Amino acid sequence: MVELLTLTVERRESVGKRRNRRLREGGKTPAVLYGHKKEVVNLSVATDSLEAALRHGSRFVILGGDVKERAFIKDVQWNTWGDRVLHVDFTRVSEHEHVQLSVPVVLRGEAAGLKDGGVVKQHLHKIEIEAEPTTAPEHLDVVINDLGFNEQIRVADIVAPEGVKILVDPETLVVECSEQVVVEVSDEVPADGEEPEVVGRKKAEGEEAE
Protein backbone atom coordinates (compact mmCIF):
# COMPACT_ATOMS: atom_id res chain seq x y z
CA MET A 1 0.00 0.00 0.00
CA VAL A 2 1.37 3.41 -0.99
CA GLU A 3 1.79 5.77 1.96
CA LEU A 4 -0.78 8.57 1.75
CA LEU A 5 0.27 12.07 2.70
CA THR A 6 -2.19 14.57 4.12
CA LEU A 7 -2.40 18.11 2.76
CA THR A 8 -4.26 20.70 4.78
CA VAL A 9 -6.35 22.92 2.52
CA GLU A 10 -8.46 26.03 3.00
CA ARG A 11 -11.43 27.22 0.98
CA ARG A 12 -10.86 30.46 -0.92
CA GLU A 13 -13.78 32.61 -1.87
CA SER A 14 -11.81 35.20 -3.83
CA VAL A 15 -10.24 34.24 -7.14
CA GLY A 16 -8.26 36.07 -9.81
CA LYS A 17 -4.66 36.90 -10.66
CA ARG A 18 -4.17 39.49 -7.91
CA ARG A 19 -5.59 37.25 -5.21
CA ASN A 20 -3.51 34.30 -6.43
CA ARG A 21 -0.39 36.45 -6.38
CA ARG A 22 -1.06 37.42 -2.77
CA LEU A 23 -1.58 33.77 -1.87
CA ARG A 24 1.78 32.79 -3.36
CA GLU A 25 3.52 35.68 -1.60
CA GLY A 26 2.00 34.36 1.63
CA GLY A 27 3.41 30.85 1.09
CA LYS A 28 0.26 29.27 -0.28
CA THR A 29 -0.62 27.81 -3.68
CA PRO A 30 -4.04 28.25 -5.30
CA ALA A 31 -5.78 24.99 -6.10
CA VAL A 32 -9.06 23.58 -7.35
CA LEU A 33 -10.89 20.35 -6.47
CA TYR A 34 -13.38 18.68 -8.81
CA GLY A 35 -14.74 15.28 -9.82
CA HIS A 36 -17.44 12.72 -9.00
CA LYS A 37 -20.08 15.18 -10.26
CA LYS A 38 -19.75 17.24 -7.09
CA GLU A 39 -19.16 20.97 -6.76
CA VAL A 40 -15.92 22.54 -7.93
CA VAL A 41 -14.13 23.96 -4.89
CA ASN A 42 -11.46 26.65 -4.98
CA LEU A 43 -8.78 25.92 -2.41
CA SER A 44 -5.36 26.98 -1.19
CA VAL A 45 -2.64 24.71 0.16
CA ALA A 46 0.65 25.44 1.92
CA THR A 47 3.31 25.57 -0.79
CA ASP A 48 6.01 23.87 1.27
CA SER A 49 3.71 20.92 2.08
CA LEU A 50 2.63 20.60 -1.55
CA GLU A 51 6.20 20.68 -2.86
CA ALA A 52 7.23 18.12 -0.24
CA ALA A 53 4.47 15.80 -1.47
CA LEU A 54 5.59 16.25 -5.08
CA ARG A 55 9.21 15.54 -4.16
CA HIS A 56 8.00 12.43 -2.34
CA GLY A 57 6.37 11.28 -5.56
CA SER A 58 2.90 11.38 -4.03
CA ARG A 59 0.03 11.89 -6.48
CA PHE A 60 -2.66 10.24 -4.35
CA VAL A 61 -3.22 12.32 -1.19
CA ILE A 62 -5.68 12.94 1.61
CA LEU A 63 -7.05 16.46 1.86
CA GLY A 64 -7.71 17.75 5.35
CA GLY A 65 -8.83 21.04 6.84
CA ASP A 66 -11.80 22.78 5.24
CA VAL A 67 -12.29 19.89 2.80
CA LYS A 68 -11.86 16.23 3.68
CA GLU A 69 -11.46 14.07 0.58
CA ARG A 70 -9.22 11.49 -1.03
CA ALA A 71 -7.78 13.22 -4.06
CA PHE A 72 -5.41 12.74 -6.93
CA ILE A 73 -2.99 15.46 -8.05
CA LYS A 74 -4.23 15.67 -11.62
CA ASP A 75 -2.19 18.60 -12.91
CA VAL A 76 0.53 20.89 -11.62
CA GLN A 77 1.33 24.24 -13.23
CA TRP A 78 4.94 25.39 -12.77
CA ASN A 79 6.60 28.71 -13.47
CA THR A 80 8.86 29.19 -16.51
CA TRP A 81 11.94 27.85 -14.71
CA GLY A 82 10.14 24.81 -13.26
CA ASP A 83 11.16 25.57 -9.68
CA ARG A 84 7.93 27.01 -8.30
CA VAL A 85 4.40 25.64 -8.28
CA LEU A 86 1.83 28.17 -9.47
CA HIS A 87 -1.40 26.13 -9.35
CA VAL A 88 -2.55 22.57 -8.71
CA ASP A 89 -5.65 20.63 -9.77
CA PHE A 90 -7.03 17.95 -7.43
CA THR A 91 -9.62 15.43 -8.59
CA ARG A 92 -11.73 13.34 -6.23
CA VAL A 93 -10.97 9.62 -6.43
CA SER A 94 -11.51 6.39 -4.56
CA GLU A 95 -8.57 4.12 -3.81
CA HIS A 96 -9.05 1.68 -6.70
CA GLU A 97 -10.63 4.04 -9.20
CA HIS A 98 -8.74 4.32 -12.49
CA VAL A 99 -7.66 7.80 -13.55
CA GLN A 100 -6.36 9.13 -16.85
CA LEU A 101 -3.43 11.51 -16.86
CA SER A 102 -0.54 12.76 -18.94
CA VAL A 103 3.01 11.98 -17.75
CA PRO A 104 6.42 12.95 -19.17
CA VAL A 105 8.40 10.56 -21.37
CA VAL A 106 11.98 10.36 -20.06
CA LEU A 107 14.79 8.94 -22.21
CA ARG A 108 17.31 6.77 -20.37
CA GLY A 109 20.74 5.71 -21.59
CA GLU A 110 22.74 6.57 -24.71
CA ALA A 111 21.71 5.49 -28.19
CA ALA A 112 24.10 3.07 -29.91
CA GLY A 113 23.56 4.99 -33.16
CA LEU A 114 25.41 8.01 -31.83
CA LYS A 115 28.67 6.23 -32.59
CA ASP A 116 27.65 6.09 -36.25
CA GLY A 117 27.02 9.81 -36.45
CA GLY A 118 23.33 9.70 -35.61
CA VAL A 119 21.38 12.27 -33.63
CA VAL A 120 18.64 11.39 -31.12
CA LYS A 121 15.35 13.14 -31.87
CA GLN A 122 12.54 12.85 -29.32
CA HIS A 123 9.11 13.31 -30.90
CA LEU A 124 6.83 12.41 -27.96
CA HIS A 125 7.45 14.26 -24.71
CA LYS A 126 4.22 13.44 -22.84
CA ILE A 127 2.01 10.38 -22.97
CA GLU A 128 -1.55 9.67 -21.84
CA ILE A 129 -1.96 6.73 -19.45
CA GLU A 130 -4.61 5.13 -17.26
CA ALA A 131 -3.88 3.67 -13.84
CA GLU A 132 -5.02 3.47 -10.25
CA PRO A 133 -3.93 6.55 -8.28
CA THR A 134 -1.71 4.45 -6.02
CA THR A 135 0.19 2.94 -8.96
CA ALA A 136 0.31 5.89 -11.38
CA PRO A 137 3.96 6.70 -12.22
CA GLU A 138 5.41 10.21 -12.25
CA HIS A 139 6.86 9.51 -15.71
CA LEU A 140 7.50 6.71 -18.18
CA ASP A 141 11.11 5.72 -18.88
CA VAL A 142 12.23 4.76 -22.38
CA VAL A 143 15.61 3.01 -22.52
CA ILE A 144 17.43 3.93 -25.74
CA ASN A 145 20.72 2.05 -25.31
CA ASP A 146 19.88 -0.34 -28.17
CA LEU A 147 18.61 2.39 -30.50
CA GLY A 148 20.79 2.12 -33.62
CA PHE A 149 21.38 4.48 -36.50
CA ASN A 150 18.19 5.01 -38.57
CA GLU A 151 16.14 3.11 -35.99
CA GLN A 152 12.99 4.20 -34.18
CA ILE A 153 11.10 3.49 -30.98
CA ARG A 154 7.32 3.67 -31.08
CA VAL A 155 4.70 3.59 -28.34
CA ALA A 156 4.21 -0.13 -28.97
CA ASP A 157 7.84 -0.70 -27.88
CA ILE A 158 7.34 0.89 -24.45
CA VAL A 159 7.02 -1.54 -21.55
CA ALA A 160 4.58 0.07 -19.11
CA PRO A 161 4.69 -0.71 -15.39
CA GLU A 162 2.23 -3.27 -14.08
CA GLY A 163 -1.26 -1.83 -13.79
CA VAL A 164 -0.56 1.03 -16.22
CA LYS A 165 -2.36 1.24 -19.56
CA ILE A 166 -1.01 3.46 -22.34
CA LEU A 167 -3.79 5.30 -24.18
CA VAL A 168 -1.79 6.52 -27.19
CA ASP A 169 -1.79 4.97 -30.69
CA PRO A 170 0.85 2.18 -30.61
CA GLU A 171 2.31 3.42 -33.92
CA THR A 172 3.06 6.89 -32.55
CA LEU A 173 6.76 7.72 -32.95
CA VAL A 174 8.52 8.34 -29.64
CA VAL A 175 12.18 8.74 -30.53
CA GLU A 176 14.55 8.04 -33.41
CA CYS A 177 18.27 8.11 -34.12
CA SER A 178 18.86 9.52 -37.58
CA GLU A 179 21.25 11.55 -39.66
CA GLN A 180 21.77 15.12 -38.61
CA VAL A 181 20.32 17.62 -41.06
CA VAL A 182 22.68 20.51 -41.78
CA VAL A 183 21.11 23.70 -43.09
CA GLU A 184 23.55 25.80 -45.12
CA VAL A 185 23.25 29.55 -44.72
CA SER A 186 24.83 31.78 -47.35
CA ASP A 187 27.24 34.45 -46.12
CA GLU A 188 26.97 36.46 -49.32
CA VAL A 189 25.67 40.00 -48.89
CA PRO A 190 23.81 41.59 -51.84
CA ALA A 191 25.46 44.63 -53.38
CA ASP A 192 23.99 48.04 -52.58
CA GLY A 193 20.72 48.59 -54.37
CA GLU A 194 20.57 44.98 -55.52
CA GLU A 195 17.61 42.89 -54.39
CA PRO A 196 18.31 39.37 -53.18
CA GLU A 197 16.94 36.65 -55.43
CA VAL A 198 13.67 35.12 -54.26
CA VAL A 199 13.40 31.51 -55.34
CA GLY A 200 10.03 30.74 -56.85
CA ARG A 201 8.94 34.41 -56.95
CA LYS A 202 6.28 35.00 -59.55
CA LYS A 203 7.32 37.49 -62.24
CA ALA A 204 5.43 40.73 -62.02
CA GLU A 205 3.28 41.74 -64.97
CA GLY A 206 5.47 43.28 -67.67
CA GLU A 207 8.71 42.05 -66.07
CA GLU A 208 11.07 40.33 -68.46
CA ALA A 209 12.06 36.76 -67.76
CA GLU A 210 15.73 35.99 -67.39
C-alpha atoms as a PDB file:
ATOM      1  CA  MET A   1       0.000   0.000   0.000  1.00  0.00           C
ATOM      2  CA  VAL A   2       1.371   3.410  -0.985  1.00  0.00           C
ATOM      3  CA  GLU A   3       1.786   5.772   1.960  1.00  0.00           C
ATOM      4  CA  LEU A   4      -0.785   8.570   1.747  1.00  0.00           C
ATOM      5  CA  LEU A   5       0.271  12.073   2.697  1.00  0.00           C
ATOM      6  CA  THR A   6      -2.194  14.567   4.123  1.00  0.00           C
ATOM      7  CA  LEU A   7      -2.395  18.109   2.756  1.00  0.00           C
ATOM      8  CA  THR A   8      -4.262  20.698   4.783  1.00  0.00           C
ATOM      9  CA  VAL A   9      -6.351  22.917   2.519  1.00  0.00           C
ATOM     10  CA  GLU A  10      -8.464  26.032   2.997  1.00  0.00           C
ATOM     11  CA  ARG A  11     -11.430  27.222   0.977  1.00  0.00           C
ATOM     12  CA  ARG A  12     -10.855  30.460  -0.917  1.00  0.00           C
ATOM     13  CA  GLU A  13     -13.777  32.610  -1.874  1.00  0.00           C
ATOM     14  CA  SER A  14     -11.814  35.205  -3.833  1.00  0.00           C
ATOM     15  CA  VAL A  15     -10.240  34.242  -7.142  1.00  0.00           C
ATOM     16  CA  GLY A  16      -8.265  36.073  -9.808  1.00  0.00           C
ATOM     17  CA  LYS A  17      -4.659  36.896 -10.659  1.00  0.00           C
ATOM     18  CA  ARG A  18      -4.173  39.492  -7.906  1.00  0.00           C
ATOM     19  CA  ARG A  19      -5.587  37.251  -5.207  1.00  0.00           C
ATOM     20  CA  ASN A  20      -3.512  34.297  -6.434  1.00  0.00           C
ATOM     21  CA  ARG A  21      -0.390  36.451  -6.381  1.00  0.00           C
ATOM     22  CA  ARG A  22      -1.061  37.419  -2.767  1.00  0.00           C
ATOM     23  CA  LEU A  23      -1.580  33.770  -1.869  1.00  0.00           C
ATOM     24  CA  ARG A  24       1.779  32.793  -3.357  1.00  0.00           C
ATOM     25  CA  GLU A  25       3.520  35.682  -1.602  1.00  0.00           C
ATOM     26  CA  GLY A  26       1.998  34.362   1.635  1.00  0.00           C
ATOM     27  CA  GLY A  27       3.413  30.855   1.087  1.00  0.00           C
ATOM     28  CA  LYS A  28       0.257  29.273  -0.281  1.00  0.00           C
ATOM     29  CA  THR A  29      -0.620  27.807  -3.676  1.00  0.00           C
ATOM     30  CA  PRO A  30      -4.041  28.247  -5.297  1.00  0.00           C
ATOM     31  CA  ALA A  31      -5.777  24.985  -6.101  1.00  0.00           C
ATOM     32  CA  VAL A  32      -9.062  23.581  -7.348  1.00  0.00           C
ATOM     33  CA  LEU A  33     -10.886  20.348  -6.467  1.00  0.00           C
ATOM     34  CA  TYR A  34     -13.383  18.677  -8.806  1.00  0.00           C
ATOM     35  CA  GLY A  35     -14.736  15.284  -9.824  1.00  0.00           C
ATOM     36  CA  HIS A  36     -17.437  12.719  -9.000  1.00  0.00           C
ATOM     37  CA  LYS A  37     -20.081  15.181 -10.262  1.00  0.00           C
ATOM     38  CA  LYS A  38     -19.751  17.244  -7.091  1.00  0.00           C
ATOM     39  CA  GLU A  39     -19.162  20.969  -6.757  1.00  0.00           C
ATOM     40  CA  VAL A  40     -15.919  22.537  -7.933  1.00  0.00           C
ATOM     41  CA  VAL A  41     -14.134  23.962  -4.887  1.00  0.00           C
ATOM     42  CA  ASN A  42     -11.461  26.648  -4.976  1.00  0.00           C
ATOM     43  CA  LEU A  43      -8.775  25.918  -2.406  1.00  0.00           C
ATOM     44  CA  SER A  44      -5.365  26.982  -1.193  1.00  0.00           C
ATOM     45  CA  VAL A  45      -2.639  24.714   0.157  1.00  0.00           C
ATOM     46  CA  ALA A  46       0.646  25.443   1.916  1.00  0.00           C
ATOM     47  CA  THR A  47       3.307  25.575  -0.791  1.00  0.00           C
ATOM     48  CA  ASP A  48       6.015  23.871   1.266  1.00  0.00           C
ATOM     49  CA  SER A  49       3.708  20.918   2.080  1.00  0.00           C
ATOM     50  CA  LEU A  50       2.628  20.598  -1.553  1.00  0.00           C
ATOM     51  CA  GLU A  51       6.196  20.683  -2.864  1.00  0.00           C
ATOM     52  CA  ALA A  52       7.228  18.122  -0.239  1.00  0.00           C
ATOM     53  CA  ALA A  53       4.468  15.800  -1.472  1.00  0.00           C
ATOM     54  CA  LEU A  54       5.586  16.248  -5.077  1.00  0.00           C
ATOM     55  CA  ARG A  55       9.208  15.536  -4.159  1.00  0.00           C
ATOM     56  CA  HIS A  56       8.000  12.426  -2.339  1.00  0.00           C
ATOM     57  CA  GLY A  57       6.372  11.282  -5.562  1.00  0.00           C
ATOM     58  CA  SER A  58       2.901  11.381  -4.033  1.00  0.00           C
ATOM     59  CA  ARG A  59       0.028  11.894  -6.481  1.00  0.00           C
ATOM     60  CA  PHE A  60      -2.664  10.245  -4.346  1.00  0.00           C
ATOM     61  CA  VAL A  61      -3.218  12.322  -1.189  1.00  0.00           C
ATOM     62  CA  ILE A  62      -5.684  12.940   1.610  1.00  0.00           C
ATOM     63  CA  LEU A  63      -7.046  16.458   1.858  1.00  0.00           C
ATOM     64  CA  GLY A  64      -7.707  17.751   5.355  1.00  0.00           C
ATOM     65  CA  GLY A  65      -8.829  21.038   6.839  1.00  0.00           C
ATOM     66  CA  ASP A  66     -11.796  22.778   5.235  1.00  0.00           C
ATOM     67  CA  VAL A  67     -12.294  19.889   2.799  1.00  0.00           C
ATOM     68  CA  LYS A  68     -11.864  16.227   3.676  1.00  0.00           C
ATOM     69  CA  GLU A  69     -11.456  14.072   0.581  1.00  0.00           C
ATOM     70  CA  ARG A  70      -9.220  11.495  -1.026  1.00  0.00           C
ATOM     71  CA  ALA A  71      -7.784  13.216  -4.062  1.00  0.00           C
ATOM     72  CA  PHE A  72      -5.408  12.737  -6.932  1.00  0.00           C
ATOM     73  CA  ILE A  73      -2.994  15.460  -8.052  1.00  0.00           C
ATOM     74  CA  LYS A  74      -4.226  15.675 -11.620  1.00  0.00           C
ATOM     75  CA  ASP A  75      -2.193  18.600 -12.906  1.00  0.00           C
ATOM     76  CA  VAL A  76       0.534  20.895 -11.617  1.00  0.00           C
ATOM     77  CA  GLN A  77       1.335  24.237 -13.226  1.00  0.00           C
ATOM     78  CA  TRP A  78       4.937  25.390 -12.770  1.00  0.00           C
ATOM     79  CA  ASN A  79       6.604  28.708 -13.473  1.00  0.00           C
ATOM     80  CA  THR A  80       8.859  29.195 -16.512  1.00  0.00           C
ATOM     81  CA  TRP A  81      11.936  27.847 -14.706  1.00  0.00           C
ATOM     82  CA  GLY A  82      10.143  24.814 -13.259  1.00  0.00           C
ATOM     83  CA  ASP A  83      11.159  25.574  -9.682  1.00  0.00           C
ATOM     84  CA  ARG A  84       7.935  27.014  -8.297  1.00  0.00           C
ATOM     85  CA  VAL A  85       4.396  25.643  -8.276  1.00  0.00           C
ATOM     86  CA  LEU A  86       1.826  28.172  -9.468  1.00  0.00           C
ATOM     87  CA  HIS A  87      -1.396  26.130  -9.350  1.00  0.00           C
ATOM     88  CA  VAL A  88      -2.555  22.573  -8.708  1.00  0.00           C
ATOM     89  CA  ASP A  89      -5.648  20.627  -9.770  1.00  0.00           C
ATOM     90  CA  PHE A  90      -7.032  17.953  -7.432  1.00  0.00           C
ATOM     91  CA  THR A  91      -9.617  15.430  -8.589  1.00  0.00           C
ATOM     92  CA  ARG A  92     -11.726  13.337  -6.231  1.00  0.00           C
ATOM     93  CA  VAL A  93     -10.971   9.620  -6.432  1.00  0.00           C
ATOM     94  CA  SER A  94     -11.511   6.393  -4.558  1.00  0.00           C
ATOM     95  CA  GLU A  95      -8.574   4.123  -3.807  1.00  0.00           C
ATOM     96  CA  HIS A  96      -9.052   1.677  -6.697  1.00  0.00           C
ATOM     97  CA  GLU A  97     -10.628   4.037  -9.200  1.00  0.00           C
ATOM     98  CA  HIS A  98      -8.736   4.321 -12.495  1.00  0.00           C
ATOM     99  CA  VAL A  99      -7.663   7.801 -13.553  1.00  0.00           C
ATOM    100  CA  GLN A 100      -6.359   9.129 -16.849  1.00  0.00           C
ATOM    101  CA  LEU A 101      -3.431  11.506 -16.864  1.00  0.00           C
ATOM    102  CA  SER A 102      -0.536  12.757 -18.943  1.00  0.00           C
ATOM    103  CA  VAL A 103       3.008  11.977 -17.755  1.00  0.00           C
ATOM    104  CA  PRO A 104       6.420  12.946 -19.174  1.00  0.00           C
ATOM    105  CA  VAL A 105       8.399  10.556 -21.370  1.00  0.00           C
ATOM    106  CA  VAL A 106      11.980  10.362 -20.062  1.00  0.00           C
ATOM    107  CA  LEU A 107      14.791   8.942 -22.213  1.00  0.00           C
ATOM    108  CA  ARG A 108      17.312   6.774 -20.369  1.00  0.00           C
ATOM    109  CA  GLY A 109      20.744   5.710 -21.592  1.00  0.00           C
ATOM    110  CA  GLU A 110      22.737   6.573 -24.709  1.00  0.00           C
ATOM    111  CA  ALA A 111      21.710   5.487 -28.186  1.00  0.00           C
ATOM    112  CA  ALA A 112      24.102   3.070 -29.914  1.00  0.00           C
ATOM    113  CA  GLY A 113      23.558   4.985 -33.157  1.00  0.00           C
ATOM    114  CA  LEU A 114      25.410   8.014 -31.828  1.00  0.00           C
ATOM    115  CA  LYS A 115      28.674   6.229 -32.586  1.00  0.00           C
ATOM    116  CA  ASP A 116      27.649   6.088 -36.254  1.00  0.00           C
ATOM    117  CA  GLY A 117      27.021   9.811 -36.451  1.00  0.00           C
ATOM    118  CA  GLY A 118      23.330   9.698 -35.612  1.00  0.00           C
ATOM    119  CA  VAL A 119      21.380  12.265 -33.627  1.00  0.00           C
ATOM    120  CA  VAL A 120      18.640  11.395 -31.124  1.00  0.00           C
ATOM    121  CA  LYS A 121      15.355  13.136 -31.866  1.00  0.00           C
ATOM    122  CA  GLN A 122      12.537  12.848 -29.324  1.00  0.00           C
ATOM    123  CA  HIS A 123       9.105  13.310 -30.899  1.00  0.00           C
ATOM    124  CA  LEU A 124       6.831  12.411 -27.962  1.00  0.00           C
ATOM    125  CA  HIS A 125       7.455  14.258 -24.705  1.00  0.00           C
ATOM    126  CA  LYS A 126       4.220  13.439 -22.844  1.00  0.00           C
ATOM    127  CA  ILE A 127       2.012  10.378 -22.974  1.00  0.00           C
ATOM    128  CA  GLU A 128      -1.546   9.666 -21.838  1.00  0.00           C
ATOM    129  CA  ILE A 129      -1.962   6.726 -19.446  1.00  0.00           C
ATOM    130  CA  GLU A 130      -4.613   5.132 -17.258  1.00  0.00           C
ATOM    131  CA  ALA A 131      -3.882   3.667 -13.842  1.00  0.00           C
ATOM    132  CA  GLU A 132      -5.021   3.471 -10.253  1.00  0.00           C
ATOM    133  CA  PRO A 133      -3.933   6.549  -8.281  1.00  0.00           C
ATOM    134  CA  THR A 134      -1.710   4.452  -6.022  1.00  0.00           C
ATOM    135  CA  THR A 135       0.191   2.943  -8.963  1.00  0.00           C
ATOM    136  CA  ALA A 136       0.310   5.888 -11.385  1.00  0.00           C
ATOM    137  CA  PRO A 137       3.961   6.703 -12.218  1.00  0.00           C
ATOM    138  CA  GLU A 138       5.408  10.210 -12.247  1.00  0.00           C
ATOM    139  CA  HIS A 139       6.860   9.511 -15.710  1.00  0.00           C
ATOM    140  CA  LEU A 140       7.502   6.707 -18.178  1.00  0.00           C
ATOM    141  CA  ASP A 141      11.109   5.719 -18.880  1.00  0.00           C
ATOM    142  CA  VAL A 142      12.227   4.758 -22.378  1.00  0.00           C
ATOM    143  CA  VAL A 143      15.609   3.013 -22.517  1.00  0.00           C
ATOM    144  CA  ILE A 144      17.432   3.928 -25.742  1.00  0.00           C
ATOM    145  CA  ASN A 145      20.722   2.047 -25.309  1.00  0.00           C
ATOM    146  CA  ASP A 146      19.877  -0.344 -28.174  1.00  0.00           C
ATOM    147  CA  LEU A 147      18.610   2.389 -30.502  1.00  0.00           C
ATOM    148  CA  GLY A 148      20.792   2.116 -33.621  1.00  0.00           C
ATOM    149  CA  PHE A 149      21.378   4.482 -36.504  1.00  0.00           C
ATOM    150  CA  ASN A 150      18.193   5.005 -38.569  1.00  0.00           C
ATOM    151  CA  GLU A 151      16.136   3.112 -35.986  1.00  0.00           C
ATOM    152  CA  GLN A 152      12.991   4.202 -34.175  1.00  0.00           C
ATOM    153  CA  ILE A 153      11.101   3.487 -30.980  1.00  0.00           C
ATOM    154  CA  ARG A 154       7.324   3.674 -31.079  1.00  0.00           C
ATOM    155  CA  VAL A 155       4.703   3.593 -28.339  1.00  0.00           C
ATOM    156  CA  ALA A 156       4.210  -0.134 -28.969  1.00  0.00           C
ATOM    157  CA  ASP A 157       7.837  -0.699 -27.876  1.00  0.00           C
ATOM    158  CA  ILE A 158       7.341   0.889 -24.447  1.00  0.00           C
ATOM    159  CA  VAL A 159       7.022  -1.540 -21.553  1.00  0.00           C
ATOM    160  CA  ALA A 160       4.577   0.066 -19.115  1.00  0.00           C
ATOM    161  CA  PRO A 161       4.694  -0.713 -15.389  1.00  0.00           C
ATOM    162  CA  GLU A 162       2.231  -3.265 -14.078  1.00  0.00           C
ATOM    163  CA  GLY A 163      -1.263  -1.826 -13.791  1.00  0.00           C
ATOM    164  CA  VAL A 164      -0.559   1.033 -16.216  1.00  0.00           C
ATOM    165  CA  LYS A 165      -2.356   1.241 -19.562  1.00  0.00           C
ATOM    166  CA  ILE A 166      -1.015   3.457 -22.344  1.00  0.00           C
ATOM    167  CA  LEU A 167      -3.787   5.296 -24.182  1.00  0.00           C
ATOM    168  CA  VAL A 168      -1.787   6.523 -27.194  1.00  0.00           C
ATOM    169  CA  ASP A 169      -1.795   4.968 -30.686  1.00  0.00           C
ATOM    170  CA  PRO A 170       0.854   2.180 -30.612  1.00  0.00           C
ATOM    171  CA  GLU A 171       2.308   3.417 -33.916  1.00  0.00           C
ATOM    172  CA  THR A 172       3.064   6.888 -32.549  1.00  0.00           C
ATOM    173  CA  LEU A 173       6.760   7.721 -32.951  1.00  0.00           C
ATOM    174  CA  VAL A 174       8.517   8.336 -29.641  1.00  0.00           C
ATOM    175  CA  VAL A 175      12.184   8.735 -30.529  1.00  0.00           C
ATOM    176  CA  GLU A 176      14.551   8.041 -33.414  1.00  0.00           C
ATOM    177  CA  CYS A 177      18.267   8.109 -34.117  1.00  0.00           C
ATOM    178  CA  SER A 178      18.857   9.523 -37.576  1.00  0.00           C
ATOM    179  CA  GLU A 179      21.245  11.548 -39.661  1.00  0.00           C
ATOM    180  CA  GLN A 180      21.769  15.121 -38.609  1.00  0.00           C
ATOM    181  CA  VAL A 181      20.325  17.619 -41.062  1.00  0.00           C
ATOM    182  CA  VAL A 182      22.682  20.512 -41.785  1.00  0.00           C
ATOM    183  CA  VAL A 183      21.113  23.704 -43.089  1.00  0.00           C
ATOM    184  CA  GLU A 184      23.551  25.800 -45.115  1.00  0.00           C
ATOM    185  CA  VAL A 185      23.245  29.554 -44.716  1.00  0.00           C
ATOM    186  CA  SER A 186      24.827  31.776 -47.354  1.00  0.00           C
ATOM    187  CA  ASP A 187      27.238  34.447 -46.115  1.00  0.00           C
ATOM    188  CA  GLU A 188      26.967  36.460 -49.321  1.00  0.00           C
ATOM    189  CA  VAL A 189      25.673  40.004 -48.893  1.00  0.00           C
ATOM    190  CA  PRO A 190      23.806  41.590 -51.839  1.00  0.00           C
ATOM    191  CA  ALA A 191      25.461  44.631 -53.384  1.00  0.00           C
ATOM    192  CA  ASP A 192      23.986  48.040 -52.578  1.00  0.00           C
ATOM    193  CA  GLY A 193      20.716  48.589 -54.371  1.00  0.00           C
ATOM    194  CA  GLU A 194      20.566  44.978 -55.520  1.00  0.00           C
ATOM    195  CA  GLU A 195      17.609  42.895 -54.390  1.00  0.00           C
ATOM    196  CA  PRO A 196      18.305  39.372 -53.184  1.00  0.00           C
ATOM    197  CA  GLU A 197      16.935  36.651 -55.426  1.00  0.00           C
ATOM    198  CA  VAL A 198      13.674  35.121 -54.265  1.00  0.00           C
ATOM    199  CA  VAL A 199      13.404  31.510 -55.339  1.00  0.00           C
ATOM    200  CA  GLY A 200      10.034  30.745 -56.846  1.00  0.00           C
ATOM    201  CA  ARG A 201       8.944  34.406 -56.952  1.00  0.00           C
ATOM    202  CA  LYS A 202       6.281  34.998 -59.554  1.00  0.00           C
ATOM    203  CA  LYS A 203       7.315  37.487 -62.239  1.00  0.00           C
ATOM    204  CA  ALA A 204       5.428  40.732 -62.015  1.00  0.00           C
ATOM    205  CA  GLU A 205       3.283  41.735 -64.967  1.00  0.00           C
ATOM    206  CA  GLY A 206       5.466  43.278 -67.670  1.00  0.00           C
ATOM    207  CA  GLU A 207       8.711  42.052 -66.074  1.00  0.00           C
ATOM    208  CA  GLU A 208      11.074  40.330 -68.462  1.00  0.00           C
ATOM    209  CA  ALA A 209      12.055  36.763 -67.763  1.00  0.00           C
ATOM    210  CA  GLU A 210      15.735  35.988 -67.394  1.00  0.00           C
END
